Amino acid sequence: MNEELDLLNPPSTDFSMLDYDCAYIPGNKVRMHYKYVDNASKTFTTAVIARGWRRFGKYFFHPICNGCNECKSIRIDVENYHYTKSQRKAIRRNKETQIIIQKPSLTSAHIGLYNKYHAFKHRKDGWNHRNITQKEYHENFVDGAQDFGKEVLYIRDGNLIGVDLIDILEDGISSIYFYYDPDYASLSLGTYSLLYQIELAKVLELPWIYLGYWVEGCKAFAYKPKFQPQEILDDFPHITEFPEWEPWDGKESKMRN
């Protein structure tokens, strides 16, 4: 029992950031609570992800915004997943795409592709953009992976065209971040990468894909309800509290305080 409690309460540095502009709701401010864990276990990571936290590198975090509770965590029910016609087409379009799963790495191809993708999103969708440095990439996507963090590489014509960062946890796969080559947009790699996560979870007999946050009306999250069935979680329960996920079809207005 003491060993289990130790796994759920690793040594950490806890802090909150000053408010900054919200990327999801214009005019709102964001404040994030962080827990820096130098040596996180899979057990700890599973527990906090199931309670709405996210992980970048060695930083675990969730929003604590003043007067706002719009960020809701969502997860896909793997066993009962229903493929749409367009999703099946995305699978067929990627028959020639090579996939490699490995420990997260850092190469010039990673940096080049990441910056190319974000420059494209800046032009297309108005995302804020500046080129990421090798140090920043390592801190966000390579560091802290331990034995559960992986990258899924998508290769076509001998080129790296997509990178999916994931955590393979005790009860599911947590989607961390995905970026791709806009020159291959016709392959629907964003959709295909998530469908591949679902297939991987089935092979590993894991019940959930943790998709991160849903914010009603946010264009960047519009794709998420297309992967059904799902469950939604309100708030961020403490590690000692049971997370009460509820079925959610993506069509009804989400729960509110």
Protein backbone atom coordinates (compact mmCIF):
# COMPACT_ATOMS: atom_id res chain seq x y z
CA MET A 1 0.00 0.00 0.00
CA ASN A 2 2.79 2.42 0.89
CA GLU A 3 4.57 1.56 -2.35
CA GLU A 4 1.42 2.38 -4.33
CA LEU A 5 1.03 5.71 -2.54
CA ASP A 6 4.66 6.54 -3.29
CA LEU A 7 4.06 5.86 -7.00
CA LEU A 8 1.06 8.21 -6.99
CA ASN A 9 2.93 10.95 -5.11
CA PRO A 10 6.41 11.19 -6.64
CA PRO A 11 8.80 14.00 -5.65
CA SER A 12 7.80 17.07 -7.64
CA THR A 13 8.02 20.82 -7.99
CA ASP A 14 4.58 22.42 -8.16
CA PHE A 15 3.89 25.90 -9.50
CA SER A 16 1.43 28.00 -11.50
CA MET A 17 2.13 30.35 -14.41
CA LEU A 18 0.97 33.94 -14.63
CA ASP A 19 -2.14 34.51 -16.74
CA TYR A 20 -1.71 34.72 -20.51
CA ASP A 21 -4.03 35.02 -23.52
CA CYS A 22 -6.19 31.96 -24.17
CA ALA A 23 -5.65 30.31 -27.56
CA TYR A 24 -9.09 28.68 -27.43
CA ILE A 25 -11.48 31.45 -26.32
CA PRO A 26 -10.73 34.99 -27.58
CA GLY A 27 -10.59 37.53 -24.76
CA ASN A 28 -10.08 34.94 -22.04
CA LYS A 29 -7.00 34.45 -19.91
CA VAL A 30 -5.32 31.13 -19.08
CA ARG A 31 -3.55 30.06 -15.92
CA MET A 32 -1.87 26.65 -15.82
CA HIS A 33 -0.95 24.57 -12.79
CA TYR A 34 2.24 22.55 -13.31
CA LYS A 35 3.85 19.61 -11.60
CA TYR A 36 7.47 18.97 -12.63
CA VAL A 37 8.30 15.31 -12.04
CA ASP A 38 11.85 14.23 -12.78
CA ASN A 39 11.17 10.50 -12.76
CA ALA A 40 7.46 9.86 -13.35
CA SER A 41 6.24 6.26 -13.30
CA LYS A 42 3.69 4.79 -15.68
CA THR A 43 1.35 4.32 -12.70
CA PHE A 44 1.49 8.01 -11.76
CA THR A 45 1.13 9.15 -15.36
CA THR A 46 -1.87 6.86 -15.91
CA ALA A 47 -3.56 8.22 -12.78
CA VAL A 48 -3.18 11.91 -13.62
CA ILE A 49 -4.02 11.55 -17.32
CA ALA A 50 -7.24 9.77 -16.28
CA ARG A 51 -8.00 12.86 -14.16
CA GLY A 52 -7.58 15.37 -16.99
CA TRP A 53 -3.89 16.28 -16.77
CA ARG A 54 -1.59 16.48 -19.80
CA ARG A 55 2.15 15.85 -20.17
CA PHE A 56 4.86 17.67 -22.11
CA GLY A 57 8.32 16.41 -21.24
CA LYS A 58 8.68 16.25 -17.45
CA TYR A 59 5.88 18.78 -16.98
CA PHE A 60 2.37 17.63 -16.04
CA PHE A 61 -0.31 20.32 -16.17
CA HIS A 62 -3.96 21.34 -16.29
CA PRO A 63 -5.76 24.69 -16.45
CA ILE A 64 -6.90 26.53 -13.31
CA CYS A 65 -8.39 29.56 -15.05
CA ASN A 66 -10.22 32.14 -12.96
CA GLY A 67 -13.96 32.07 -13.69
CA CYS A 68 -13.70 29.56 -16.54
CA ASN A 69 -14.18 25.78 -16.69
CA GLU A 70 -14.53 25.33 -20.46
CA CYS A 71 -11.71 22.77 -20.90
CA LYS A 72 -13.23 19.29 -20.64
CA SER A 73 -11.19 16.11 -21.03
CA ILE A 74 -12.40 13.56 -23.58
CA ARG A 75 -11.44 9.98 -24.36
CA ILE A 76 -12.35 7.46 -27.06
CA ASP A 77 -13.95 4.11 -26.21
CA VAL A 78 -11.66 1.73 -28.13
CA GLU A 79 -13.63 -1.51 -27.83
CA ASN A 80 -16.83 0.00 -29.21
CA TYR A 81 -15.25 2.30 -31.78
CA HIS A 82 -17.25 2.98 -34.99
CA TYR A 83 -15.38 3.80 -38.21
CA THR A 84 -16.94 6.31 -40.59
CA LYS A 85 -16.72 6.01 -44.38
CA SER A 86 -14.24 8.89 -44.61
CA GLN A 87 -12.06 7.30 -41.93
CA ARG A 88 -11.96 4.03 -43.85
CA LYS A 89 -10.89 6.00 -46.93
CA ALA A 90 -8.07 7.57 -44.91
CA ILE A 91 -6.87 4.08 -43.98
CA ARG A 92 -6.90 2.99 -47.63
CA ARG A 93 -5.00 6.12 -48.70
CA ASN A 94 -2.18 5.19 -46.34
CA LYS A 95 -1.61 1.60 -47.42
CA GLU A 96 1.84 2.58 -48.68
CA THR A 97 2.74 4.61 -45.59
CA GLN A 98 5.44 3.01 -43.45
CA ILE A 99 5.05 3.20 -39.66
CA ILE A 100 7.80 2.96 -37.03
CA ILE A 101 7.18 3.05 -33.25
CA GLN A 102 10.15 3.89 -31.07
CA LYS A 103 11.39 5.94 -28.14
CA PRO A 104 11.05 9.69 -28.87
CA SER A 105 14.10 11.04 -30.70
CA LEU A 106 15.47 14.30 -32.02
CA THR A 107 16.89 14.67 -35.53
CA SER A 108 17.18 17.48 -38.05
CA ALA A 109 14.25 15.87 -39.88
CA HIS A 110 12.07 16.23 -36.76
CA ILE A 111 12.94 19.90 -36.33
CA GLY A 112 12.52 20.69 -40.03
CA LEU A 113 9.15 18.96 -40.24
CA TYR A 114 7.86 20.53 -37.01
CA ASN A 115 8.76 24.03 -38.18
CA LYS A 116 7.37 23.41 -41.68
CA TYR A 117 4.05 22.27 -40.23
CA HIS A 118 3.74 25.25 -37.88
CA ALA A 119 4.65 27.75 -40.60
CA PHE A 120 1.87 26.21 -42.69
CA LYS A 121 -0.64 26.46 -39.81
CA HIS A 122 0.41 30.07 -39.27
CA ARG A 123 -0.45 30.91 -42.89
CA LYS A 124 -3.61 28.79 -43.03
CA ASP A 125 -5.16 29.21 -39.58
CA GLY A 126 -3.35 32.15 -38.04
CA TRP A 127 -1.43 30.14 -35.45
CA ASN A 128 1.32 31.96 -33.58
CA HIS A 129 4.63 30.70 -34.94
CA ARG A 130 8.34 30.88 -34.41
CA ASN A 131 10.80 28.11 -35.19
CA ILE A 132 11.34 25.69 -32.33
CA THR A 133 14.89 25.09 -31.11
CA GLN A 134 16.46 21.69 -30.52
CA LYS A 135 16.49 22.39 -26.77
CA GLU A 136 12.78 23.27 -26.73
CA TYR A 137 11.86 20.22 -28.78
CA HIS A 138 13.87 17.94 -26.49
CA GLU A 139 12.27 19.40 -23.35
CA ASN A 140 8.73 19.08 -24.76
CA PHE A 141 8.78 15.79 -26.65
CA VAL A 142 11.86 13.70 -25.80
CA ASP A 143 12.61 14.37 -22.15
CA GLY A 144 10.46 12.59 -19.56
CA ALA A 145 9.32 9.78 -21.87
CA GLN A 146 10.58 7.14 -19.43
CA ASP A 147 9.45 3.64 -20.53
CA PHE A 148 5.97 4.68 -21.69
CA GLY A 149 6.50 7.65 -24.02
CA LYS A 150 6.77 6.75 -27.72
CA GLU A 151 6.85 8.41 -31.11
CA VAL A 152 5.06 6.98 -34.12
CA LEU A 153 6.91 7.91 -37.31
CA TYR A 154 5.07 8.05 -40.65
CA ILE A 155 7.29 7.61 -43.69
CA ARG A 156 6.42 7.94 -47.37
CA ASP A 157 8.72 7.97 -50.39
CA GLY A 158 11.64 7.57 -47.99
CA ASN A 159 10.73 10.84 -46.23
CA LEU A 160 9.53 11.52 -42.70
CA ILE A 161 6.03 12.98 -43.23
CA GLY A 162 4.44 12.71 -39.78
CA VAL A 163 5.35 12.37 -36.11
CA ASP A 164 2.85 11.33 -33.45
CA LEU A 165 3.92 11.66 -29.81
CA ILE A 166 2.01 9.34 -27.46
CA ASP A 167 2.12 7.79 -24.00
CA ILE A 168 1.24 4.10 -23.76
CA LEU A 169 -0.23 3.83 -20.28
CA GLU A 170 -1.86 1.19 -18.09
CA ASP A 171 -5.41 1.87 -19.27
CA GLY A 172 -4.94 3.52 -22.64
CA ILE A 173 -2.95 5.71 -25.00
CA SER A 174 -2.60 9.43 -24.33
CA SER A 175 -2.32 11.57 -27.46
CA ILE A 176 0.32 14.23 -26.81
CA TYR A 177 1.00 15.93 -30.13
CA PHE A 178 0.96 15.25 -33.87
CA TYR A 179 2.53 17.18 -36.74
CA TYR A 180 2.88 16.35 -40.42
CA ASP A 181 4.16 17.51 -43.79
CA PRO A 182 1.50 19.74 -45.42
CA ASP A 183 2.74 18.55 -48.83
CA TYR A 184 1.05 15.23 -47.97
CA ALA A 185 -2.23 16.75 -46.76
CA SER A 186 -4.19 14.56 -49.22
CA LEU A 187 -3.34 11.50 -47.10
CA SER A 188 -5.40 12.82 -44.14
CA LEU A 189 -2.54 11.97 -41.80
CA GLY A 190 -4.15 13.62 -38.79
CA THR A 191 -7.12 11.30 -39.06
CA TYR A 192 -5.01 8.28 -39.95
CA SER A 193 -2.64 8.76 -37.01
CA LEU A 194 -5.53 8.70 -34.55
CA LEU A 195 -7.05 5.65 -36.21
CA TYR A 196 -3.67 3.95 -35.90
CA GLN A 197 -3.66 4.75 -32.17
CA ILE A 198 -7.05 3.05 -31.90
CA GLU A 199 -5.78 -0.06 -33.68
CA LEU A 200 -2.66 -0.11 -31.50
CA ALA A 201 -4.79 0.15 -28.36
CA LYS A 202 -6.87 -2.81 -29.57
CA VAL A 203 -3.75 -4.91 -30.06
CA LEU A 204 -2.50 -3.94 -26.59
CA GLU A 205 -5.99 -4.49 -25.10
CA LEU A 206 -6.17 -0.94 -23.76
CA PRO A 207 -9.67 0.54 -23.42
CA TRP A 208 -9.09 4.28 -23.94
CA ILE A 209 -7.52 6.90 -26.17
CA TYR A 210 -7.09 10.11 -24.14
CA LEU A 211 -7.64 12.97 -26.59
CA GLY A 212 -6.88 15.95 -24.38
CA TYR A 213 -9.31 18.84 -24.09
CA TRP A 214 -12.55 19.81 -25.71
CA VAL A 215 -13.62 23.47 -25.77
CA GLU A 216 -17.00 24.12 -27.32
CA GLY A 217 -16.74 26.41 -30.34
CA CYS A 218 -12.98 26.06 -30.71
CA LYS A 219 -12.10 25.39 -34.35
CA ALA A 220 -8.86 23.56 -33.49
CA PHE A 221 -10.85 20.86 -31.66
CA ALA A 222 -13.63 20.44 -34.23
CA TYR A 223 -12.22 17.09 -35.41
CA LYS A 224 -12.37 15.41 -32.00
CA PRO A 225 -16.10 14.53 -31.77
CA LYS A 226 -15.79 12.65 -35.08
CA PHE A 227 -14.17 9.71 -33.25
CA GLN A 228 -17.02 7.97 -31.44
CA PRO A 229 -18.02 6.69 -28.95
CA GLN A 230 -16.44 8.96 -26.36
CA GLU A 231 -16.58 9.92 -22.70
CA ILE A 232 -16.12 13.38 -21.15
CA LEU A 233 -14.76 14.44 -17.76
CA ASP A 234 -15.68 17.60 -15.87
CA ASP A 235 -12.96 19.34 -13.83
CA PHE A 236 -9.70 17.76 -12.60
CA PRO A 237 -10.31 15.47 -9.60
CA HIS A 238 -7.56 14.97 -7.04
CA ILE A 239 -5.40 11.86 -7.25
CA THR A 240 -7.35 10.41 -4.29
CA GLU A 241 -10.72 11.01 -5.98
CA PHE A 242 -12.39 8.76 -8.55
CA PRO A 243 -12.73 10.42 -11.98
CA GLU A 244 -16.39 10.35 -13.07
CA TRP A 245 -16.30 10.08 -16.86
CA GLU A 246 -19.66 10.24 -18.65
CA PRO A 247 -20.73 9.14 -22.15
CA TRP A 248 -20.62 12.00 -24.67
CA ASP A 249 -21.69 11.94 -28.32
CA GLY A 250 -20.12 15.28 -29.23
CA LYS A 251 -23.47 16.74 -30.34
CA GLU A 252 -25.01 17.86 -27.08
CA SER A 253 -23.77 20.90 -25.22
CA LYS A 254 -21.19 19.73 -22.72
CA MET A 255 -21.75 19.71 -18.97
CA ARG A 256 -21.52 23.02 -17.19
CA ASN A 257 -21.07 24.06 -13.59
